[in-house]
Amino acid sequence: MPQIEFHFNAPERLHYVCRFLRKAHVHDWRVGVLGSEAVLRQLDAALWSFSEHDFLPHCTANDSPHMQQASAILLSPDVGRLAGWPMLVNLGDDVPEGFEQFQRVIEIVPSDDHGKMTARQRWRHYAAQGFELTQHDLSKVATA
């Protein structure tokens, strides 16, 4: 049964995702990131420019299997391409199909009304299935 965490009120969502992925990389976690192609293109660009001092090895589901194996972070609009990865970061509006296969599911929720509304729907879905949910309110945490 996956551990499901909601990170609410991310004021600069892509910046927060980059910070989260940097932390994951430091801990040697392999992370699949699910989102629309447009969001993943923005995230890919942000990962290259996020920090002058950190390199976050990442690739897309369109890259070679060798590149995917060598990368700690895989970006894909198709959750099926992320099968076998232990952690899933969901940047989409919907509950990812097959989320149960992951050890950990991270829902990064922006502070806008649409993001909050779709997150509430996902929260209700997970809770109705009996999953224990953890929430982190980012508006109460100092950012670094």
C-alpha atoms as a PDB file:
ATOM      1  CA  MET A   1       0.000   0.000   0.000  1.00  0.00           C
ATOM      2  CA  PRO A   2       1.589   3.308  -1.042  1.00  0.00           C
ATOM      3  CA  GLN A   3       2.302   6.170   1.295  1.00  0.00           C
ATOM      4  CA  ILE A   4       0.387   9.175  -0.105  1.00  0.00           C
ATOM      5  CA  GLU A   5       1.435  12.731   0.690  1.00  0.00           C
ATOM      6  CA  PHE A   6      -0.147  16.012  -0.327  1.00  0.00           C
ATOM      7  CA  HIS A   7       2.112  19.064  -0.404  1.00  0.00           C
ATOM      8  CA  PHE A   8      -0.417  21.948  -0.417  1.00  0.00           C
ATOM      9  CA  ASN A   9      -0.042  25.622  -1.300  1.00  0.00           C
ATOM     10  CA  ALA A  10       3.099  25.433  -3.416  1.00  0.00           C
ATOM     11  CA  PRO A  11       3.381  29.121  -4.400  1.00  0.00           C
ATOM     12  CA  GLU A  12       5.913  28.483  -7.168  1.00  0.00           C
ATOM     13  CA  ARG A  13       5.028  24.904  -7.998  1.00  0.00           C
ATOM     14  CA  LEU A  14       7.834  24.095 -10.446  1.00  0.00           C
ATOM     15  CA  HIS A  15      10.447  25.622  -8.157  1.00  0.00           C
ATOM     16  CA  TYR A  16       9.100  23.526  -5.285  1.00  0.00           C
ATOM     17  CA  VAL A  17       9.139  20.389  -7.454  1.00  0.00           C
ATOM     18  CA  CYS A  18      12.791  21.105  -8.314  1.00  0.00           C
ATOM     19  CA  ARG A  19      13.616  21.462  -4.619  1.00  0.00           C
ATOM     20  CA  PHE A  20      11.764  18.226  -3.833  1.00  0.00           C
ATOM     21  CA  LEU A  21      13.586  16.387  -6.623  1.00  0.00           C
ATOM     22  CA  ARG A  22      16.927  17.737  -5.385  1.00  0.00           C
ATOM     23  CA  LYS A  23      16.134  16.310  -1.937  1.00  0.00           C
ATOM     24  CA  ALA A  24      15.108  13.001  -3.520  1.00  0.00           C
ATOM     25  CA  HIS A  25      18.363  12.889  -5.477  1.00  0.00           C
ATOM     26  CA  VAL A  26      20.432  13.556  -2.335  1.00  0.00           C
ATOM     27  CA  HIS A  27      18.688  10.560  -0.725  1.00  0.00           C
ATOM     28  CA  ASP A  28      19.207   8.387  -3.844  1.00  0.00           C
ATOM     29  CA  TRP A  29      15.470   8.035  -4.432  1.00  0.00           C
ATOM     30  CA  ARG A  30      14.315   7.193  -7.962  1.00  0.00           C
ATOM     31  CA  VAL A  31      11.336   9.348  -8.886  1.00  0.00           C
ATOM     32  CA  GLY A  32       8.859   9.245 -11.733  1.00  0.00           C
ATOM     33  CA  VAL A  33       7.126  12.543 -12.444  1.00  0.00           C
ATOM     34  CA  LEU A  34       3.702  12.466 -14.090  1.00  0.00           C
ATOM     35  CA  GLY A  35       2.142  15.486 -15.748  1.00  0.00           C
ATOM     36  CA  SER A  36       0.965  16.958 -18.999  1.00  0.00           C
ATOM     37  CA  GLU A  37       3.518  17.317 -21.774  1.00  0.00           C
ATOM     38  CA  ALA A  38       3.433  21.117 -21.376  1.00  0.00           C
ATOM     39  CA  VAL A  39       4.087  20.967 -17.620  1.00  0.00           C
ATOM     40  CA  LEU A  40       6.859  18.401 -18.090  1.00  0.00           C
ATOM     41  CA  ARG A  41       8.574  20.585 -20.730  1.00  0.00           C
ATOM     42  CA  GLN A  42       8.511  23.469 -18.239  1.00  0.00           C
ATOM     43  CA  LEU A  43       9.847  21.210 -15.491  1.00  0.00           C
ATOM     44  CA  ASP A  44      12.603  19.897 -17.760  1.00  0.00           C
ATOM     45  CA  ALA A  45      13.728  23.469 -18.474  1.00  0.00           C
ATOM     46  CA  ALA A  46      13.472  24.371 -14.779  1.00  0.00           C
ATOM     47  CA  LEU A  47      15.611  21.387 -13.767  1.00  0.00           C
ATOM     48  CA  TRP A  48      18.397  22.606 -16.068  1.00  0.00           C
ATOM     49  CA  SER A  49      18.314  26.158 -14.712  1.00  0.00           C
ATOM     50  CA  PHE A  50      17.220  25.526 -11.120  1.00  0.00           C
ATOM     51  CA  SER A  51      20.632  25.670  -9.473  1.00  0.00           C
ATOM     52  CA  GLU A  52      24.121  26.652 -10.497  1.00  0.00           C
ATOM     53  CA  HIS A  53      25.544  24.072  -8.084  1.00  0.00           C
ATOM     54  CA  ASP A  54      23.267  21.044  -8.447  1.00  0.00           C
ATOM     55  CA  PHE A  55      22.808  18.740 -11.393  1.00  0.00           C
ATOM     56  CA  LEU A  56      19.655  16.671 -11.213  1.00  0.00           C
ATOM     57  CA  PRO A  57      20.030  13.773 -13.660  1.00  0.00           C
ATOM     58  CA  HIS A  58      16.705  13.413 -15.402  1.00  0.00           C
ATOM     59  CA  CYS A  59      15.262  12.292 -18.682  1.00  0.00           C
ATOM     60  CA  THR A  60      11.943  11.784 -20.404  1.00  0.00           C
ATOM     61  CA  ALA A  61      10.076   8.629 -21.300  1.00  0.00           C
ATOM     62  CA  ASN A  62      11.122   9.300 -24.920  1.00  0.00           C
ATOM     63  CA  ASP A  63      14.811   8.900 -24.074  1.00  0.00           C
ATOM     64  CA  SER A  64      16.603   5.588 -24.535  1.00  0.00           C
ATOM     65  CA  PRO A  65      16.142   2.796 -21.976  1.00  0.00           C
ATOM     66  CA  HIS A  66      19.852   3.177 -21.138  1.00  0.00           C
ATOM     67  CA  MET A  67      19.353   6.883 -20.359  1.00  0.00           C
ATOM     68  CA  GLN A  68      16.263   6.092 -18.269  1.00  0.00           C
ATOM     69  CA  GLN A  69      18.184   3.487 -16.276  1.00  0.00           C
ATOM     70  CA  ALA A  70      21.012   5.950 -15.611  1.00  0.00           C
ATOM     71  CA  SER A  71      18.713   8.774 -14.515  1.00  0.00           C
ATOM     72  CA  ALA A  72      17.266   9.230 -11.054  1.00  0.00           C
ATOM     73  CA  ILE A  73      14.289  11.216 -12.366  1.00  0.00           C
ATOM     74  CA  LEU A  74      11.986  10.195 -15.209  1.00  0.00           C
ATOM     75  CA  LEU A  75       9.428  12.637 -16.651  1.00  0.00           C
ATOM     76  CA  SER A  76       6.417  11.127 -18.425  1.00  0.00           C
ATOM     77  CA  PRO A  77       2.856  12.061 -19.374  1.00  0.00           C
ATOM     78  CA  ASP A  78       2.018   8.328 -19.268  1.00  0.00           C
ATOM     79  CA  VAL A  79       1.954   6.654 -15.835  1.00  0.00           C
ATOM     80  CA  GLY A  80       2.474   3.286 -17.521  1.00  0.00           C
ATOM     81  CA  ARG A  81       5.977   4.380 -18.552  1.00  0.00           C
ATOM     82  CA  LEU A  82       6.772   4.987 -14.871  1.00  0.00           C
ATOM     83  CA  ALA A  83       5.966   1.408 -13.802  1.00  0.00           C
ATOM     84  CA  GLY A  84       8.700   0.003 -11.601  1.00  0.00           C
ATOM     85  CA  TRP A  85       9.767   3.348 -10.185  1.00  0.00           C
ATOM     86  CA  PRO A  86       9.306   3.450  -6.397  1.00  0.00           C
ATOM     87  CA  MET A  87       8.124   7.054  -6.095  1.00  0.00           C
ATOM     88  CA  LEU A  88       5.605   8.999  -8.152  1.00  0.00           C
ATOM     89  CA  VAL A  89       5.229  12.778  -8.136  1.00  0.00           C
ATOM     90  CA  ASN A  90       1.845  13.637  -9.622  1.00  0.00           C
ATOM     91  CA  LEU A  91       1.545  17.027 -11.307  1.00  0.00           C
ATOM     92  CA  GLY A  92      -1.700  16.118 -13.037  1.00  0.00           C
ATOM     93  CA  ASP A  93      -5.285  16.923 -12.128  1.00  0.00           C
ATOM     94  CA  ASP A  94      -6.455  13.317 -11.864  1.00  0.00           C
ATOM     95  CA  VAL A  95      -5.695  10.319  -9.665  1.00  0.00           C
ATOM     96  CA  PRO A  96      -3.017   8.408 -11.579  1.00  0.00           C
ATOM     97  CA  GLU A  97      -4.232   5.075 -12.874  1.00  0.00           C
ATOM     98  CA  GLY A  98      -2.339   2.279 -11.133  1.00  0.00           C
ATOM     99  CA  PHE A  99      -0.982   4.538  -8.376  1.00  0.00           C
ATOM    100  CA  GLU A 100      -1.124   1.508  -6.050  1.00  0.00           C
ATOM    101  CA  GLN A 101       2.010   0.082  -7.677  1.00  0.00           C
ATOM    102  CA  PHE A 102       4.196   2.864  -6.246  1.00  0.00           C
ATOM    103  CA  GLN A 103       5.674   2.829  -2.743  1.00  0.00           C
ATOM    104  CA  ARG A 104       5.110   6.554  -2.375  1.00  0.00           C
ATOM    105  CA  VAL A 105       2.841   9.024  -4.183  1.00  0.00           C
ATOM    106  CA  ILE A 106       3.522  12.737  -3.821  1.00  0.00           C
ATOM    107  CA  GLU A 107       0.810  15.188  -4.842  1.00  0.00           C
ATOM    108  CA  ILE A 108       2.217  18.694  -5.342  1.00  0.00           C
ATOM    109  CA  VAL A 109      -0.714  21.127  -5.111  1.00  0.00           C
ATOM    110  CA  PRO A 110      -0.404  24.717  -6.349  1.00  0.00           C
ATOM    111  CA  SER A 111      -2.029  27.557  -4.455  1.00  0.00           C
ATOM    112  CA  ASP A 112      -4.496  28.480  -7.226  1.00  0.00           C
ATOM    113  CA  ASP A 113      -8.211  27.631  -7.019  1.00  0.00           C
ATOM    114  CA  HIS A 114      -8.155  25.040  -9.810  1.00  0.00           C
ATOM    115  CA  GLY A 115      -5.195  23.210  -8.244  1.00  0.00           C
ATOM    116  CA  LYS A 116      -6.896  23.148  -4.851  1.00  0.00           C
ATOM    117  CA  MET A 117     -10.197  21.927  -6.288  1.00  0.00           C
ATOM    118  CA  THR A 118      -8.651  19.013  -8.207  1.00  0.00           C
ATOM    119  CA  ALA A 119      -6.484  18.116  -5.187  1.00  0.00           C
ATOM    120  CA  ARG A 120      -9.586  17.916  -3.004  1.00  0.00           C
ATOM    121  CA  GLN A 121     -11.105  15.470  -5.502  1.00  0.00           C
ATOM    122  CA  ARG A 122      -7.961  13.314  -5.451  1.00  0.00           C
ATOM    123  CA  TRP A 123      -7.858  13.480  -1.636  1.00  0.00           C
ATOM    124  CA  ARG A 124     -11.463  12.246  -1.435  1.00  0.00           C
ATOM    125  CA  HIS A 125     -10.713   9.449  -3.904  1.00  0.00           C
ATOM    126  CA  TYR A 126      -7.706   8.165  -1.952  1.00  0.00           C
ATOM    127  CA  ALA A 127      -9.507   8.515   1.402  1.00  0.00           C
ATOM    128  CA  ALA A 128     -12.584   6.667   0.118  1.00  0.00           C
ATOM    129  CA  GLN A 129     -10.317   3.747  -0.763  1.00  0.00           C
ATOM    130  CA  GLY A 130      -8.959   3.680   2.777  1.00  0.00           C
ATOM    131  CA  PHE A 131      -5.491   5.110   2.177  1.00  0.00           C
ATOM    132  CA  GLU A 132      -3.848   6.995   5.017  1.00  0.00           C
ATOM    133  CA  LEU A 133      -2.982  10.474   3.792  1.00  0.00           C
ATOM    134  CA  THR A 134      -0.322  12.873   4.990  1.00  0.00           C
ATOM    135  CA  GLN A 135      -0.502  16.591   4.349  1.00  0.00           C
ATOM    136  CA  HIS A 136       2.188  19.243   4.334  1.00  0.00           C
ATOM    137  CA  ASP A 137       0.965  22.844   4.200  1.00  0.00           C
ATOM    138  CA  LEU A 138       3.753  24.719   2.434  1.00  0.00           C
ATOM    139  CA  SER A 139       2.310  28.096   3.376  1.00  0.00           C
ATOM    140  CA  LYS A 140       3.405  27.312   6.964  1.00  0.00           C
ATOM    141  CA  VAL A 141       6.953  26.296   6.048  1.00  0.00           C
ATOM    142  CA  ALA A 142       9.828  28.646   5.353  1.00  0.00           C
ATOM    143  CA  THR A 143      11.269  28.033   1.877  1.00  0.00           C
ATOM    144  CA  ALA A 144      14.965  27.770   1.169  1.00  0.00           C
END
